[in-house]
Amino acid sequence: MKILLLSSCLLVLSTSALAKHTQWYDEAKVINVTPVYHHDYYSNRYDDHFDDKVIVKHNNDNHRGKIIITTDNKHHNKRRNKSNRVIGYNVSYKYRGQVFDTFTEQHPGNYISVKLNIEPLVNKSRVVVKQYRHD
């Protein structure tokens, strides 16, 4: 009985050891790349300075002529700016006849590396429910 139990345990452990995930890497053809932008709006304050000359006329007898007064005018303004920066790329690629989509932070070029995972269906079981009639 102990030998049967021990051999059963070894069988379970050996099949789970063989049921590892296997990974391979391959290249897929890129068929479309679309940049993704981040739109940012910001305001800049700036001041306009200019001098105005004001001419004052005097009509009284004590002052003949004109007086020119220079005033400093300052206007506060805001300018709204827009900034567009690329944050990544939406990439469509074709691998073995199927088209897949992904997002990358860098432009992939003509080909993109793909990782293939192979996983066995060892511990996946189907449950079959049978219905019995009670007479």
C-alpha atoms as a PDB file:
ATOM      1  CA  MET A   1       0.000   0.000   0.000  1.00  0.00           C
ATOM      2  CA  LYS A   2       2.853   2.382   0.847  1.00  0.00           C
ATOM      3  CA  ILE A   3       4.522   1.634  -2.468  1.00  0.00           C
ATOM      4  CA  LEU A   4       1.316   2.425  -4.355  1.00  0.00           C
ATOM      5  CA  LEU A   5       0.916   5.736  -2.498  1.00  0.00           C
ATOM      6  CA  LEU A   6       4.554   6.681  -3.073  1.00  0.00           C
ATOM      7  CA  SER A   7       4.402   5.843  -6.780  1.00  0.00           C
ATOM      8  CA  SER A   8       1.185   7.881  -7.146  1.00  0.00           C
ATOM      9  CA  CYS A   9       2.843  10.908  -5.531  1.00  0.00           C
ATOM     10  CA  LEU A  10       5.868  10.577  -7.802  1.00  0.00           C
ATOM     11  CA  LEU A  11       3.639  10.350 -10.856  1.00  0.00           C
ATOM     12  CA  VAL A  12       1.770  13.537  -9.905  1.00  0.00           C
ATOM     13  CA  LEU A  13       5.008  15.420  -9.206  1.00  0.00           C
ATOM     14  CA  SER A  14       6.638  14.299 -12.447  1.00  0.00           C
ATOM     15  CA  THR A  15       3.675  15.363 -14.601  1.00  0.00           C
ATOM     16  CA  SER A  16       3.508  18.762 -12.910  1.00  0.00           C
ATOM     17  CA  ALA A  17       7.249  19.197 -13.460  1.00  0.00           C
ATOM     18  CA  LEU A  18       6.799  18.421 -17.143  1.00  0.00           C
ATOM     19  CA  ALA A  19       3.850  20.819 -17.357  1.00  0.00           C
ATOM     20  CA  LYS A  20       6.006  23.954 -17.199  1.00  0.00           C
ATOM     21  CA  HIS A  21       5.294  27.019 -19.245  1.00  0.00           C
ATOM     22  CA  THR A  22       7.506  27.229 -22.280  1.00  0.00           C
ATOM     23  CA  GLN A  23       8.316  30.605 -23.817  1.00  0.00           C
ATOM     24  CA  TRP A  24       9.659  31.505 -27.234  1.00  0.00           C
ATOM     25  CA  TYR A  25      10.309  34.809 -28.906  1.00  0.00           C
ATOM     26  CA  ASP A  26       9.574  35.635 -32.523  1.00  0.00           C
ATOM     27  CA  GLU A  27       9.175  38.622 -34.845  1.00  0.00           C
ATOM     28  CA  ALA A  28       5.850  39.907 -36.206  1.00  0.00           C
ATOM     29  CA  LYS A  29       5.323  42.272 -39.144  1.00  0.00           C
ATOM     30  CA  VAL A  30       4.078  45.742 -38.144  1.00  0.00           C
ATOM     31  CA  ILE A  31       1.206  46.808 -40.402  1.00  0.00           C
ATOM     32  CA  ASN A  32       0.121  50.111 -38.794  1.00  0.00           C
ATOM     33  CA  VAL A  33       1.570  52.597 -36.306  1.00  0.00           C
ATOM     34  CA  THR A  34      -0.455  55.544 -34.988  1.00  0.00           C
ATOM     35  CA  PRO A  35       1.111  58.059 -32.582  1.00  0.00           C
ATOM     36  CA  VAL A  36      -0.821  58.839 -29.395  1.00  0.00           C
ATOM     37  CA  TYR A  37      -0.581  62.474 -28.293  1.00  0.00           C
ATOM     38  CA  HIS A  38      -1.019  64.137 -24.933  1.00  0.00           C
ATOM     39  CA  HIS A  39      -2.603  67.561 -25.439  1.00  0.00           C
ATOM     40  CA  ASP A  40      -1.622  70.080 -22.822  1.00  0.00           C
ATOM     41  CA  TYR A  41      -2.901  73.629 -22.529  1.00  0.00           C
ATOM     42  CA  TYR A  42      -1.074  76.271 -20.561  1.00  0.00           C
ATOM     43  CA  SER A  43      -1.206  80.040 -20.179  1.00  0.00           C
ATOM     44  CA  ASN A  44       1.656  82.495 -20.308  1.00  0.00           C
ATOM     45  CA  ARG A  45       1.373  85.902 -18.717  1.00  0.00           C
ATOM     46  CA  TYR A  46       3.193  88.725 -20.356  1.00  0.00           C
ATOM     47  CA  ASP A  47       3.197  92.484 -19.947  1.00  0.00           C
ATOM     48  CA  ASP A  48       3.114  95.069 -22.707  1.00  0.00           C
ATOM     49  CA  HIS A  49       4.948  98.299 -21.908  1.00  0.00           C
ATOM     50  CA  PHE A  50       4.677 101.347 -24.062  1.00  0.00           C
ATOM     51  CA  ASP A  51       5.014 105.071 -23.586  1.00  0.00           C
ATOM     52  CA  ASP A  52       2.201 107.442 -24.446  1.00  0.00           C
ATOM     53  CA  LYS A  53       2.860 111.055 -25.157  1.00  0.00           C
ATOM     54  CA  VAL A  54       0.124 113.388 -24.049  1.00  0.00           C
ATOM     55  CA  ILE A  55       0.156 116.959 -25.328  1.00  0.00           C
ATOM     56  CA  VAL A  56      -1.383 119.516 -23.020  1.00  0.00           C
ATOM     57  CA  LYS A  57      -2.201 122.949 -24.446  1.00  0.00           C
ATOM     58  CA  HIS A  58      -2.300 125.978 -22.232  1.00  0.00           C
ATOM     59  CA  ASN A  59      -4.259 128.979 -23.349  1.00  0.00           C
ATOM     60  CA  ASN A  60      -3.483 131.275 -20.469  1.00  0.00           C
ATOM     61  CA  ASP A  61      -1.110 134.173 -20.928  1.00  0.00           C
ATOM     62  CA  ASN A  62       1.542 132.897 -18.548  1.00  0.00           C
ATOM     63  CA  HIS A  63       2.359 129.763 -20.538  1.00  0.00           C
ATOM     64  CA  ARG A  64       2.683 129.961 -24.213  1.00  0.00           C
ATOM     65  CA  GLY A  65       3.148 126.765 -26.135  1.00  0.00           C
ATOM     66  CA  LYS A  66       2.532 123.133 -25.374  1.00  0.00           C
ATOM     67  CA  ILE A  67       3.625 120.758 -22.624  1.00  0.00           C
ATOM     68  CA  ILE A  68       4.380 117.153 -23.587  1.00  0.00           C
ATOM     69  CA  ILE A  69       3.874 114.594 -20.818  1.00  0.00           C
ATOM     70  CA  THR A  70       5.088 111.006 -21.245  1.00  0.00           C
ATOM     71  CA  THR A  71       3.164 108.283 -19.408  1.00  0.00           C
ATOM     72  CA  ASP A  72       4.187 104.661 -18.961  1.00  0.00           C
ATOM     73  CA  ASN A  73       1.360 102.275 -19.780  1.00  0.00           C
ATOM     74  CA  LYS A  74       1.462  98.654 -18.751  1.00  0.00           C
ATOM     75  CA  HIS A  75      -1.042  96.030 -19.886  1.00  0.00           C
ATOM     76  CA  HIS A  76      -1.245  92.529 -18.426  1.00  0.00           C
ATOM     77  CA  ASN A  77      -2.080  89.901 -21.006  1.00  0.00           C
ATOM     78  CA  LYS A  78      -2.448  86.143 -21.105  1.00  0.00           C
ATOM     79  CA  ARG A  79      -1.645  83.930 -24.031  1.00  0.00           C
ATOM     80  CA  ARG A  80      -3.067  80.409 -24.148  1.00  0.00           C
ATOM     81  CA  ASN A  81      -0.735  77.867 -25.725  1.00  0.00           C
ATOM     82  CA  LYS A  82      -1.217  74.267 -26.736  1.00  0.00           C
ATOM     83  CA  SER A  83       1.448  71.597 -26.470  1.00  0.00           C
ATOM     84  CA  ASN A  84       1.256  68.222 -28.203  1.00  0.00           C
ATOM     85  CA  ARG A  85       3.705  65.522 -27.207  1.00  0.00           C
ATOM     86  CA  VAL A  86       3.837  61.888 -28.262  1.00  0.00           C
ATOM     87  CA  ILE A  87       3.322  59.543 -25.296  1.00  0.00           C
ATOM     88  CA  GLY A  88       3.340  56.295 -27.266  1.00  0.00           C
ATOM     89  CA  TYR A  89       2.095  54.405 -30.284  1.00  0.00           C
ATOM     90  CA  ASN A  90      -0.901  52.214 -31.086  1.00  0.00           C
ATOM     91  CA  VAL A  91       0.596  49.348 -33.081  1.00  0.00           C
ATOM     92  CA  SER A  92      -1.159  46.757 -35.249  1.00  0.00           C
ATOM     93  CA  TYR A  93       0.930  43.751 -36.213  1.00  0.00           C
ATOM     94  CA  LYS A  94       0.368  40.504 -38.054  1.00  0.00           C
ATOM     95  CA  TYR A  95       1.592  37.167 -36.741  1.00  0.00           C
ATOM     96  CA  ARG A  96       0.821  33.901 -38.547  1.00  0.00           C
ATOM     97  CA  GLY A  97      -2.139  35.382 -40.384  1.00  0.00           C
ATOM     98  CA  GLN A  98      -3.791  36.988 -37.354  1.00  0.00           C
ATOM     99  CA  VAL A  99      -3.806  40.722 -36.600  1.00  0.00           C
ATOM    100  CA  PHE A 100      -3.097  41.907 -33.051  1.00  0.00           C
ATOM    101  CA  ASP A 101      -3.050  45.368 -31.458  1.00  0.00           C
ATOM    102  CA  THR A 102      -0.825  46.709 -28.695  1.00  0.00           C
ATOM    103  CA  PHE A 103       0.509  49.965 -27.232  1.00  0.00           C
ATOM    104  CA  THR A 104       4.238  50.743 -27.121  1.00  0.00           C
ATOM    105  CA  GLU A 105       6.114  53.710 -25.695  1.00  0.00           C
ATOM    106  CA  GLN A 106       8.639  53.675 -28.562  1.00  0.00           C
ATOM    107  CA  HIS A 107       8.137  53.389 -32.303  1.00  0.00           C
ATOM    108  CA  PRO A 108       8.528  49.667 -33.130  1.00  0.00           C
ATOM    109  CA  GLY A 109       9.898  49.980 -36.662  1.00  0.00           C
ATOM    110  CA  ASN A 110       8.981  47.391 -39.315  1.00  0.00           C
ATOM    111  CA  TYR A 111       8.938  44.399 -36.953  1.00  0.00           C
ATOM    112  CA  ILE A 112       7.960  43.893 -33.316  1.00  0.00           C
ATOM    113  CA  SER A 113       9.181  41.182 -30.943  1.00  0.00           C
ATOM    114  CA  VAL A 114       6.467  38.889 -29.617  1.00  0.00           C
ATOM    115  CA  LYS A 115       6.613  36.405 -26.762  1.00  0.00           C
ATOM    116  CA  LEU A 116       4.851  33.086 -27.259  1.00  0.00           C
ATOM    117  CA  ASN A 117       3.674  31.152 -24.214  1.00  0.00           C
ATOM    118  CA  ILE A 118       2.879  27.466 -24.492  1.00  0.00           C
ATOM    119  CA  GLU A 119       0.887  26.059 -21.601  1.00  0.00           C
ATOM    120  CA  PRO A 120      -0.339  22.474 -21.439  1.00  0.00           C
ATOM    121  CA  LEU A 121      -3.889  21.685 -20.464  1.00  0.00           C
ATOM    122  CA  VAL A 122      -2.817  19.009 -17.948  1.00  0.00           C
ATOM    123  CA  ASN A 123      -4.785  20.160 -14.936  1.00  0.00           C
ATOM    124  CA  LYS A 124      -7.765  21.445 -16.876  1.00  0.00           C
ATOM    125  CA  SER A 125     -10.629  19.000 -16.625  1.00  0.00           C
ATOM    126  CA  ARG A 126     -14.142  19.029 -17.943  1.00  0.00           C
ATOM    127  CA  VAL A 127     -16.940  18.404 -15.552  1.00  0.00           C
ATOM    128  CA  VAL A 128     -19.770  16.315 -16.900  1.00  0.00           C
ATOM    129  CA  VAL A 129     -22.992  16.420 -14.941  1.00  0.00           C
ATOM    130  CA  LYS A 130     -25.306  13.499 -15.403  1.00  0.00           C
ATOM    131  CA  GLN A 131     -28.902  13.694 -14.472  1.00  0.00           C
ATOM    132  CA  TYR A 132     -30.585  10.649 -13.004  1.00  0.00           C
ATOM    133  CA  ARG A 133     -34.290  10.099 -13.044  1.00  0.00           C
ATOM    134  CA  HIS A 134     -35.872   9.027  -9.821  1.00  0.00           C
ATOM    135  CA  ASP A 135     -38.825   6.702 -10.386  1.00  0.00           C
END
